[in-house]
PDB file of N, CA and C in Angstrom:
ATOM      1  N   MET A   1     -31.601  20.702 116.788  1.00  0.00           N
ATOM      2  CA  MET A   1     -31.847  19.468 116.079  1.00  0.00           C
ATOM      3  C   MET A   1     -31.825  18.321 117.079  1.00  0.00           C
ATOM      4  N   THR A   2     -32.781  17.420 116.956  1.00  0.00           N
ATOM      5  CA  THR A   2     -32.808  16.283 117.867  1.00  0.00           C
ATOM      6  C   THR A   2     -31.854  15.214 117.384  1.00  0.00           C
ATOM      7  N   GLN A   3     -31.263  14.517 118.343  1.00  0.00           N
ATOM      8  CA  GLN A   3     -30.328  13.460 117.992  1.00  0.00           C
ATOM      9  C   GLN A   3     -31.100  12.187 117.690  1.00  0.00           C
ATOM     10  N   GLN A   4     -30.730  11.553 116.597  1.00  0.00           N
ATOM     11  CA  GLN A   4     -31.410  10.337 116.178  1.00  0.00           C
ATOM     12  C   GLN A   4     -30.622   9.135 116.682  1.00  0.00           C
ATOM     13  N   HIS A   5     -31.343   8.145 117.201  1.00  0.00           N
ATOM     14  CA  HIS A   5     -30.725   6.902 117.648  1.00  0.00           C
ATOM     15  C   HIS A   5     -31.297   5.754 116.835  1.00  0.00           C
ATOM     16  N   VAL A   6     -30.446   4.823 116.479  1.00  0.00           N
ATOM     17  CA  VAL A   6     -30.855   3.650 115.720  1.00  0.00           C
ATOM     18  C   VAL A   6     -30.523   2.440 116.568  1.00  0.00           C
ATOM     19  N   TYR A   7     -31.446   1.500 116.647  1.00  0.00           N
ATOM     20  CA  TYR A   7     -31.250   0.293 117.440  1.00  0.00           C
ATOM     21  C   TYR A   7     -30.909  -0.859 116.506  1.00  0.00           C
ATOM     22  N   ILE A   8     -29.712  -1.389 116.646  1.00  0.00           N
ATOM     23  CA  ILE A   8     -29.237  -2.474 115.800  1.00  0.00           C
ATOM     24  C   ILE A   8     -28.850  -3.652 116.691  1.00  0.00           C
ATOM     25  N   GLN A   9     -29.569  -4.744 116.577  1.00  0.00           N
ATOM     26  CA  GLN A   9     -29.263  -5.986 117.284  1.00  0.00           C
ATOM     27  C   GLN A   9     -28.858  -5.741 118.745  1.00  0.00           C
ATOM     28  N   GLY A  10     -29.701  -4.999 119.462  1.00  0.00           N
ATOM     29  CA  GLY A  10     -29.450  -4.767 120.877  1.00  0.00           C
ATOM     30  C   GLY A  10     -28.447  -3.673 121.172  1.00  0.00           C
ATOM     31  N   THR A  11     -27.939  -2.996 120.152  1.00  0.00           N
ATOM     32  CA  THR A  11     -26.955  -1.934 120.336  1.00  0.00           C
ATOM     33  C   THR A  11     -27.575  -0.620 119.886  1.00  0.00           C
ATOM     34  N   ILE A  12     -27.388   0.421 120.677  1.00  0.00           N
ATOM     35  CA  ILE A  12     -27.876   1.741 120.298  1.00  0.00           C
ATOM     36  C   ILE A  12     -26.757   2.469 119.577  1.00  0.00           C
ATOM     37  N   LEU A  13     -27.039   2.890 118.348  1.00  0.00           N
ATOM     38  CA  LEU A  13     -26.090   3.658 117.556  1.00  0.00           C
ATOM     39  C   LEU A  13     -26.646   5.056 117.388  1.00  0.00           C
ATOM     40  N   ASN A  14     -25.791   6.063 117.478  1.00  0.00           N
ATOM     41  CA  ASN A  14     -26.287   7.424 117.278  1.00  0.00           C
ATOM     42  C   ASN A  14     -25.826   7.947 115.926  1.00  0.00           C
ATOM     43  N   GLU A  15     -26.228   9.161 115.613  1.00  0.00           N
ATOM     44  CA  GLU A  15     -25.954   9.689 114.275  1.00  0.00           C
ATOM     45  C   GLU A  15     -24.467   9.923 114.013  1.00  0.00           C
ATOM     46  N   GLU A  16     -23.629   9.886 115.027  1.00  0.00           N
ATOM     47  CA  GLU A  16     -22.186  10.015 114.811  1.00  0.00           C
ATOM     48  C   GLU A  16     -21.510   8.684 114.500  1.00  0.00           C
ATOM     49  N   THR A  17     -22.225   7.582 114.671  1.00  0.00           N
ATOM     50  CA  THR A  17     -21.661   6.256 114.433  1.00  0.00           C
ATOM     51  C   THR A  17     -21.299   6.106 112.968  1.00  0.00           C
ATOM     52  N   ARG A  18     -20.100   5.596 112.709  1.00  0.00           N
ATOM     53  CA  ARG A  18     -19.628   5.321 111.363  1.00  0.00           C
ATOM     54  C   ARG A  18     -19.007   3.931 111.340  1.00  0.00           C
ATOM     55  N   CYS A  19     -19.161   3.227 110.223  1.00  0.00           N
ATOM     56  CA  CYS A  19     -18.513   1.929 110.083  1.00  0.00           C
ATOM     57  C   CYS A  19     -17.958   1.790 108.670  1.00  0.00           C
ATOM     58  N   SER A  20     -16.997   0.897 108.523  1.00  0.00           N
ATOM     59  CA  SER A  20     -16.381   0.651 107.223  1.00  0.00           C
ATOM     60  C   SER A  20     -17.270  -0.270 106.397  1.00  0.00           C
ATOM     61  N   LEU A  21     -16.893  -0.478 105.157  1.00  0.00           N
ATOM     62  CA  LEU A  21     -17.616  -1.402 104.289  1.00  0.00           C
ATOM     63  C   LEU A  21     -17.594  -2.806 104.879  1.00  0.00           C
ATOM     64  N   ALA A  22     -16.430  -3.241 105.351  1.00  0.00           N
ATOM     65  CA  ALA A  22     -16.316  -4.581 105.953  1.00  0.00           C
ATOM     66  C   ALA A  22     -17.194  -4.697 107.193  1.00  0.00           C
ATOM     67  N   ASP A  23     -17.220  -3.658 108.024  1.00  0.00           N
ATOM     68  CA  ASP A  23     -18.067  -3.668 109.223  1.00  0.00           C
ATOM     69  C   ASP A  23     -19.547  -3.719 108.851  1.00  0.00           C
ATOM     70  N   LEU A  24     -19.930  -2.945 107.831  1.00  0.00           N
ATOM     71  CA  LEU A  24     -21.324  -2.937 107.383  1.00  0.00           C
ATOM     72  C   LEU A  24     -21.736  -4.325 106.905  1.00  0.00           C
ATOM     73  N   CYS A  25     -20.871  -4.955 106.117  1.00  0.00           N
ATOM     74  CA  CYS A  25     -21.168  -6.304 105.624  1.00  0.00           C
ATOM     75  C   CYS A  25     -21.312  -7.283 106.784  1.00  0.00           C
ATOM     76  N   ALA A  26     -20.429  -7.192 107.761  1.00  0.00           N
ATOM     77  CA  ALA A  26     -20.484  -8.093 108.917  1.00  0.00           C
ATOM     78  C   ALA A  26     -21.728  -7.838 109.768  1.00  0.00           C
ATOM     79  N   LEU A  27     -22.039  -6.575 110.030  1.00  0.00           N
ATOM     80  CA  LEU A  27     -23.216  -6.236 110.843  1.00  0.00           C
ATOM     81  C   LEU A  27     -24.517  -6.694 110.201  1.00  0.00           C
ATOM     82  N   CYS A  28     -24.576  -6.636 108.880  1.00  0.00           N
ATOM     83  CA  CYS A  28     -25.821  -6.927 108.177  1.00  0.00           C
ATOM     84  C   CYS A  28     -25.843  -8.321 107.550  1.00  0.00           C
ATOM     85  N   GLY A  29     -24.715  -9.018 107.607  1.00  0.00           N
ATOM     86  CA  GLY A  29     -24.655 -10.361 107.050  1.00  0.00           C
ATOM     87  C   GLY A  29     -24.827 -10.405 105.544  1.00  0.00           C
ATOM     88  N   VAL A  30     -24.211  -9.441 104.852  1.00  0.00           N
ATOM     89  CA  VAL A  30     -24.319  -9.369 103.391  1.00  0.00           C
ATOM     90  C   VAL A  30     -22.933  -9.246 102.770  1.00  0.00           C
ATOM     91  N   SER A  31     -22.873  -9.478 101.469  1.00  0.00           N
ATOM     92  CA  SER A  31     -21.606  -9.365 100.738  1.00  0.00           C
ATOM     93  C   SER A  31     -21.397  -7.935 100.245  1.00  0.00           C
ATOM     94  N   THR A  32     -20.172  -7.653  99.843  1.00  0.00           N
ATOM     95  CA  THR A  32     -19.875  -6.330  99.282  1.00  0.00           C
ATOM     96  C   THR A  32     -20.630  -6.120  97.970  1.00  0.00           C
ATOM     97  N   GLU A  33     -20.895  -7.200  97.242  1.00  0.00           N
ATOM     98  CA  GLU A  33     -21.648  -7.079  95.995  1.00  0.00           C
ATOM     99  C   GLU A  33     -23.067  -6.567  96.259  1.00  0.00           C
ATOM    100  N   ILE A  34     -23.677  -7.087  97.302  1.00  0.00           N
ATOM    101  CA  ILE A  34     -25.034  -6.633  97.654  1.00  0.00           C
ATOM    102  C   ILE A  34     -25.007  -5.167  98.060  1.00  0.00           C
ATOM    103  N   ILE A  35     -24.004  -4.783  98.852  1.00  0.00           N
ATOM    104  CA  ILE A  35     -23.875  -3.376  99.255  1.00  0.00           C
ATOM    105  C   ILE A  35     -23.699  -2.497  98.027  1.00  0.00           C
ATOM    106  N   ASN A  36     -22.857  -2.925  97.077  1.00  0.00           N
ATOM    107  CA  ASN A  36     -22.663  -2.142  95.848  1.00  0.00           C
ATOM    108  C   ASN A  36     -23.960  -2.011  95.057  1.00  0.00           C
ATOM    109  N   GLU A  37     -24.772  -3.065  95.016  1.00  0.00           N
ATOM    110  CA  GLU A  37     -26.064  -2.986  94.341  1.00  0.00           C
ATOM    111  C   GLU A  37     -26.978  -1.984  95.040  1.00  0.00           C
ATOM    112  N   MET A  38     -26.934  -1.965  96.369  1.00  0.00           N
ATOM    113  CA  MET A  38     -27.758  -1.005  97.120  1.00  0.00           C
ATOM    114  C   MET A  38     -27.288   0.424  96.888  1.00  0.00           C
ATOM    115  N   ILE A  39     -25.978   0.597  96.768  1.00  0.00           N
ATOM    116  CA  ILE A  39     -25.440   1.930  96.464  1.00  0.00           C
ATOM    117  C   ILE A  39     -25.901   2.356  95.076  1.00  0.00           C
ATOM    118  N   ASP A  40     -25.797   1.452  94.099  1.00  0.00           N
ATOM    119  CA  ASP A  40     -26.221   1.762  92.725  1.00  0.00           C
ATOM    120  C   ASP A  40     -27.706   2.119  92.664  1.00  0.00           C
ATOM    121  N   GLU A  41     -28.507   1.487  93.517  1.00  0.00           N
ATOM    122  CA  GLU A  41     -29.954   1.720  93.533  1.00  0.00           C
ATOM    123  C   GLU A  41     -30.316   2.970  94.336  1.00  0.00           C
ATOM    124  N   GLY A  42     -29.353   3.555  95.070  1.00  0.00           N
ATOM    125  CA  GLY A  42     -29.617   4.752  95.863  1.00  0.00           C
ATOM    126  C   GLY A  42     -30.194   4.464  97.234  1.00  0.00           C
ATOM    127  N   ILE A  43     -30.128   3.209  97.665  1.00  0.00           N
ATOM    128  CA  ILE A  43     -30.652   2.844  98.980  1.00  0.00           C
ATOM    129  C   ILE A  43     -29.757   3.394 100.080  1.00  0.00           C
ATOM    130  N   ILE A  44     -28.454   3.317  99.858  1.00  0.00           N
ATOM    131  CA  ILE A  44     -27.475   3.887 100.795  1.00  0.00           C
ATOM    132  C   ILE A  44     -26.439   4.663  99.997  1.00  0.00           C
ATOM    133  N   THR A  45     -25.766   5.579 100.672  1.00  0.00           N
ATOM    134  CA  THR A  45     -24.712   6.376 100.054  1.00  0.00           C
ATOM    135  C   THR A  45     -23.496   6.370 100.969  1.00  0.00           C
ATOM    136  N   PRO A  46     -22.364   5.887 100.465  1.00  0.00           N
ATOM    137  CA  PRO A  46     -21.166   5.890 101.301  1.00  0.00           C
ATOM    138  C   PRO A  46     -20.583   7.294 101.412  1.00  0.00           C
ATOM    139  N   GLU A  47     -19.888   7.519 102.507  1.00  0.00           N
ATOM    140  CA  GLU A  47     -19.125   8.753 102.676  1.00  0.00           C
ATOM    141  C   GLU A  47     -17.667   8.389 102.444  1.00  0.00           C
ATOM    142  N   GLY A  48     -16.936   9.236 101.759  1.00  0.00           N
ATOM    143  CA  GLY A  48     -15.530   8.982 101.515  1.00  0.00           C
ATOM    144  C   GLY A  48     -15.220   8.923 100.032  1.00  0.00           C
ATOM    145  N   PRO A  49     -13.977   9.281  99.685  1.00  0.00           N
ATOM    146  CA  PRO A  49     -13.609   9.399  98.277  1.00  0.00           C
ATOM    147  C   PRO A  49     -13.382   8.069  97.542  1.00  0.00           C
ATOM    148  N   SER A  50     -13.016   7.026  98.249  1.00  0.00           N
ATOM    149  CA  SER A  50     -12.722   5.751  97.577  1.00  0.00           C
ATOM    150  C   SER A  50     -13.290   4.596  98.392  1.00  0.00           C
ATOM    151  N   ILE A  51     -13.419   3.453  97.744  1.00  0.00           N
ATOM    152  CA  ILE A  51     -14.015   2.291  98.397  1.00  0.00           C
ATOM    153  C   ILE A  51     -13.251   1.910  99.663  1.00  0.00           C
ATOM    154  N   ARG A  52     -11.964   2.108  99.685  1.00  0.00           N
ATOM    155  CA  ARG A  52     -11.156   1.784 100.877  1.00  0.00           C
ATOM    156  C   ARG A  52     -11.424   2.736 102.040  1.00  0.00           C
ATOM    157  N   GLU A  53     -11.932   3.907 101.718  1.00  0.00           N
ATOM    158  CA  GLU A  53     -12.178   4.922 102.740  1.00  0.00           C
ATOM    159  C   GLU A  53     -13.661   5.126 103.027  1.00  0.00           C
ATOM    160  N   TRP A  54     -14.510   4.321 102.404  1.00  0.00           N
ATOM    161  CA  TRP A  54     -15.938   4.478 102.618  1.00  0.00           C
ATOM    162  C   TRP A  54     -16.315   4.304 104.076  1.00  0.00           C
ATOM    163  N   CYS A  55     -17.222   5.152 104.523  1.00  0.00           N
ATOM    164  CA  CYS A  55     -17.831   5.045 105.853  1.00  0.00           C
ATOM    165  C   CYS A  55     -19.343   5.057 105.663  1.00  0.00           C
ATOM    166  N   PHE A  56     -20.026   4.345 106.536  1.00  0.00           N
ATOM    167  CA  PHE A  56     -21.485   4.271 106.487  1.00  0.00           C
ATOM    168  C   PHE A  56     -22.032   4.651 107.855  1.00  0.00           C
ATOM    169  N   THR A  57     -23.153   5.347 107.848  1.00  0.00           N
ATOM    170  CA  THR A  57     -23.778   5.816 109.082  1.00  0.00           C
ATOM    171  C   THR A  57     -24.681   4.739 109.673  1.00  0.00           C
ATOM    172  N   ALA A  58     -25.142   4.996 110.870  1.00  0.00           N
ATOM    173  CA  ALA A  58     -26.101   4.094 111.525  1.00  0.00           C
ATOM    174  C   ALA A  58     -27.385   4.014 110.712  1.00  0.00           C
ATOM    175  N   VAL A  59     -27.763   5.093 110.067  1.00  0.00           N
ATOM    176  CA  VAL A  59     -28.961   5.089 109.229  1.00  0.00           C
ATOM    177  C   VAL A  59     -28.758   4.140 108.044  1.00  0.00           C
ATOM    178  N   ALA A  60     -27.561   4.127 107.469  1.00  0.00           N
ATOM    179  CA  ALA A  60     -27.263   3.194 106.372  1.00  0.00           C
ATOM    180  C   ALA A  60     -27.367   1.754 106.851  1.00  0.00           C
ATOM    181  N   ILE A  61     -26.882   1.482 108.046  1.00  0.00           N
ATOM    182  CA  ILE A  61     -26.974   0.129 108.611  1.00  0.00           C
ATOM    183  C   ILE A  61     -28.440  -0.275 108.719  1.00  0.00           C
ATOM    184  N   LYS A  62     -29.253   0.630 109.249  1.00  0.00           N
ATOM    185  CA  LYS A  62     -30.686   0.347 109.395  1.00  0.00           C
ATOM    186  C   LYS A  62     -31.339   0.119 108.040  1.00  0.00           C
ATOM    187  N   ARG A  63     -30.978   0.920 107.044  1.00  0.00           N
ATOM    188  CA  ARG A  63     -31.555   0.777 105.709  1.00  0.00           C
ATOM    189  C   ARG A  63     -31.171  -0.556 105.075  1.00  0.00           C
ATOM    190  N   VAL A  64     -29.927  -0.981 105.256  1.00  0.00           N
ATOM    191  CA  VAL A  64     -29.499  -2.274 104.710  1.00  0.00           C
ATOM    192  C   VAL A  64     -30.277  -3.401 105.380  1.00  0.00           C
ATOM    193  N   GLN A  65     -30.371  -3.348 106.696  1.00  0.00           N
ATOM    194  CA  GLN A  65     -31.092  -4.412 107.403  1.00  0.00           C
ATOM    195  C   GLN A  65     -32.574  -4.430 107.027  1.00  0.00           C
ATOM    196  N   THR A  66     -33.182  -3.283 106.884  1.00  0.00           N
ATOM    197  CA  THR A  66     -34.588  -3.225 106.482  1.00  0.00           C
ATOM    198  C   THR A  66     -34.755  -3.752 105.055  1.00  0.00           C
ATOM    199  N   THR A  67     -33.841  -3.389 104.172  1.00  0.00           N
ATOM    200  CA  THR A  67     -33.885  -3.889 102.799  1.00  0.00           C
ATOM    201  C   THR A  67     -33.808  -5.402 102.768  1.00  0.00           C
ATOM    202  N   MET A  68     -32.923  -5.974 103.565  1.00  0.00           N
ATOM    203  CA  MET A  68     -32.779  -7.429 103.584  1.00  0.00           C
ATOM    204  C   MET A  68     -34.072  -8.088 104.091  1.00  0.00           C
ATOM    205  N   ARG A  69     -34.709  -7.483 105.092  1.00  0.00           N
ATOM    206  CA  ARG A  69     -35.985  -8.025 105.589  1.00  0.00           C
ATOM    207  C   ARG A  69     -37.085  -7.911 104.539  1.00  0.00           C
ATOM    208  N   LEU A  70     -37.151  -6.780 103.837  1.00  0.00           N
ATOM    209  CA  LEU A  70     -38.157  -6.606 102.788  1.00  0.00           C
ATOM    210  C   LEU A  70     -37.966  -7.635 101.678  1.00  0.00           C
ATOM    211  N   GLN A  71     -36.715  -7.885 101.319  1.00  0.00           N
ATOM    212  CA  GLN A  71     -36.454  -8.872 100.273  1.00  0.00           C
ATOM    213  C   GLN A  71     -36.788 -10.284 100.753  1.00  0.00           C
ATOM    214  N   ARG A  72     -36.390 -10.600 101.950  1.00  0.00           N
ATOM    215  CA  ARG A  72     -36.614 -11.950 102.479  1.00  0.00           C
ATOM    216  C   ARG A  72     -38.097 -12.214 102.756  1.00  0.00           C
ATOM    217  N   ASP A  73     -38.736 -11.288 103.458  1.00  0.00           N
ATOM    218  CA  ASP A  73     -40.104 -11.524 103.919  1.00  0.00           C
ATOM    219  C   ASP A  73     -41.160 -11.246 102.846  1.00  0.00           C
ATOM    220  N   LEU A  74     -40.933 -10.220 102.044  1.00  0.00           N
ATOM    221  CA  LEU A  74     -41.953  -9.815 101.075  1.00  0.00           C
ATOM    222  C   LEU A  74     -41.516 -10.016  99.623  1.00  0.00           C
ATOM    223  N   ARG A  75     -40.271 -10.461  99.433  1.00  0.00           N
ATOM    224  CA  ARG A  75     -39.727 -10.712  98.087  1.00  0.00           C
ATOM    225  C   ARG A  75     -39.770  -9.456  97.204  1.00  0.00           C
ATOM    226  N   ILE A  76     -39.449  -8.317  97.797  1.00  0.00           N
ATOM    227  CA  ILE A  76     -39.422  -7.047  97.070  1.00  0.00           C
ATOM    228  C   ILE A  76     -38.036  -6.884  96.441  1.00  0.00           C
ATOM    229  N   ASN A  77     -37.997  -6.459  95.175  1.00  0.00           N
ATOM    230  CA  ASN A  77     -36.709  -6.231  94.516  1.00  0.00           C
ATOM    231  C   ASN A  77     -36.088  -4.917  95.012  1.00  0.00           C
ATOM    232  N   LEU A  78     -34.826  -4.670  94.627  1.00  0.00           N
ATOM    233  CA  LEU A  78     -34.124  -3.484  95.138  1.00  0.00           C
ATOM    234  C   LEU A  78     -34.802  -2.163  94.776  1.00  0.00           C
ATOM    235  N   PRO A  79     -35.271  -1.961  93.548  1.00  0.00           N
ATOM    236  CA  PRO A  79     -35.976  -0.702  93.278  1.00  0.00           C
ATOM    237  C   PRO A  79     -37.216  -0.541  94.167  1.00  0.00           C
ATOM    238  N   GLY A  80     -37.934  -1.628  94.396  1.00  0.00           N
ATOM    239  CA  GLY A  80     -39.096  -1.579  95.286  1.00  0.00           C
ATOM    240  C   GLY A  80     -38.692  -1.279  96.719  1.00  0.00           C
ATOM    241  N   CYS A  81     -37.569  -1.846  97.147  1.00  0.00           N
ATOM    242  CA  CYS A  81     -37.068  -1.569  98.503  1.00  0.00           C
ATOM    243  C   CYS A  81     -36.708  -0.098  98.658  1.00  0.00           C
ATOM    244  N   ALA A  82     -36.076   0.471  97.627  1.00  0.00           N
ATOM    245  CA  ALA A  82     -35.710   1.895  97.690  1.00  0.00           C
ATOM    246  C   ALA A  82     -36.956   2.755  97.885  1.00  0.00           C
ATOM    247  N   LEU A  83     -38.002   2.450  97.133  1.00  0.00           N
ATOM    248  CA  LEU A  83     -39.259   3.196  97.269  1.00  0.00           C
ATOM    249  C   LEU A  83     -39.887   2.966  98.635  1.00  0.00           C
ATOM    250  N   ALA A  84     -39.923   1.714  99.072  1.00  0.00           N
ATOM    251  CA  ALA A  84     -40.515   1.397 100.380  1.00  0.00           C
ATOM    252  C   ALA A  84     -39.780   2.107 101.508  1.00  0.00           C
ATOM    253  N   LEU A  85     -38.447   2.123 101.454  1.00  0.00           N
ATOM    254  CA  LEU A  85     -37.663   2.797 102.492  1.00  0.00           C
ATOM    255  C   LEU A  85     -37.966   4.290 102.530  1.00  0.00           C
ATOM    256  N   ASP A  86     -38.040   4.904 101.359  1.00  0.00           N
ATOM    257  CA  ASP A  86     -38.362   6.333 101.310  1.00  0.00           C
ATOM    258  C   ASP A  86     -39.746   6.599 101.909  1.00  0.00           C
ATOM    259  N   LEU A  87     -40.709   5.760 101.579  1.00  0.00           N
ATOM    260  CA  LEU A  87     -42.062   5.936 102.111  1.00  0.00           C
ATOM    261  C   LEU A  87     -42.109   5.690 103.617  1.00  0.00           C
ATOM    262  N   LEU A  88     -41.388   4.669 104.094  1.00  0.00           N
ATOM    263  CA  LEU A  88     -41.339   4.398 105.535  1.00  0.00           C
ATOM    264  C   LEU A  88     -40.718   5.564 106.297  1.00  0.00           C
ATOM    265  N   GLU A  89     -39.643   6.146 105.743  1.00  0.00           N
ATOM    266  CA  GLU A  89     -39.006   7.291 106.398  1.00  0.00           C
ATOM    267  C   GLU A  89     -39.913   8.515 106.386  1.00  0.00           C
ATOM    268  N   GLU A  90     -40.626   8.711 105.296  1.00  0.00           N
ATOM    269  CA  GLU A  90     -41.567   9.829 105.237  1.00  0.00           C
ATOM    270  C   GLU A  90     -42.684   9.644 106.254  1.00  0.00           C
ATOM    271  N   LEU A  91     -43.201   8.435 106.365  1.00  0.00           N
ATOM    272  CA  LEU A  91     -44.238   8.132 107.346  1.00  0.00           C
ATOM    273  C   LEU A  91     -43.727   8.384 108.767  1.00  0.00           C
ATOM    274  N   GLU A  92     -42.504   7.948 109.045  1.00  0.00           N
ATOM    275  CA  GLU A  92     -41.917   8.180 110.374  1.00  0.00           C
ATOM    276  C   GLU A  92     -41.785   9.667 110.668  1.00  0.00           C
ATOM    277  N   GLU A  93     -41.371  10.435 109.671  1.00  0.00           N
ATOM    278  CA  GLU A  93     -41.234  11.882 109.851  1.00  0.00           C
ATOM    279  C   GLU A  93     -42.597  12.536 110.098  1.00  0.00           C
ATOM    280  N   LEU A  94     -43.607  12.126 109.365  1.00  0.00           N
ATOM    281  CA  LEU A  94     -44.958  12.678 109.565  1.00  0.00           C
ATOM    282  C   LEU A  94     -45.498  12.335 110.947  1.00  0.00           C
ATOM    283  N   ARG A  95     -45.256  11.117 111.397  1.00  0.00           N
ATOM    284  CA  ARG A  95     -45.687  10.740 112.750  1.00  0.00           C
ATOM    285  C   ARG A  95     -44.973  11.580 113.798  1.00  0.00           C
ATOM    286  N   HIS A  96     -43.692  11.812 113.580  1.00  0.00           N
ATOM    287  CA  HIS A  96     -42.919  12.630 114.527  1.00  0.00           C
ATOM    288  C   HIS A  96     -43.479  14.058 114.559  1.00  0.00           C
ATOM    289  N   LEU A  97     -43.784  14.600 113.385  1.00  0.00           N
ATOM    290  CA  LEU A  97     -44.344  15.952 113.338  1.00  0.00           C
ATOM    291  C   LEU A  97     -45.709  16.038 113.996  1.00  0.00           C
ATOM    292  N   SER A  98     -46.540  15.013 113.808  1.00  0.00           N
ATOM    293  CA  SER A  98     -47.876  15.045 114.413  1.00  0.00           C
ATOM    294  C   SER A  98     -47.804  14.927 115.932  1.00  0.00           C
ATOM    295  N   ARG A  99     -46.810  14.255 116.463  1.00  0.00           N
ATOM    296  CA  ARG A  99     -46.644  14.149 117.919  1.00  0.00           C
ATOM    297  C   ARG A  99     -46.212  15.471 118.532  1.00  0.00           C
ATOM    298  N   ARG A 100     -45.519  16.290 117.769  1.00  0.00           N
ATOM    299  CA  ARG A 100     -45.010  17.574 118.277  1.00  0.00           C
ATOM    300  C   ARG A 100     -46.130  18.599 118.389  1.00  0.00           C
ATOM    301  N   ARG A 101     -47.253  18.382 117.733  1.00  0.00           N
ATOM    302  CA  ARG A 101     -48.348  19.373 117.733  1.00  0.00           C
ATOM    303  C   ARG A 101     -49.174  19.290 118.949  1.00  0.00           C
TER     304      ARG A 101
END
């Protein structure tokens, strides 16, 4: 399996990177309410049994930041962002597969 790297504000995060809810909010400049709405919409999924123990991956950080850009720049609502993110990830996967051929 290839290791995935995510670039966040000049920092390279790998798939082992984990952050707390407070760290996610600080990194993305959003409130916990917005994060909870994204969780409810299925945009991100926390790891951990309780809100105090939640951890988020680098991919979750990227998804939150992309969602915020989609909302700000294109005025897309959260359900639309969830669909757009899924389509963008599928497109990225297809491009990766076509490069391997």
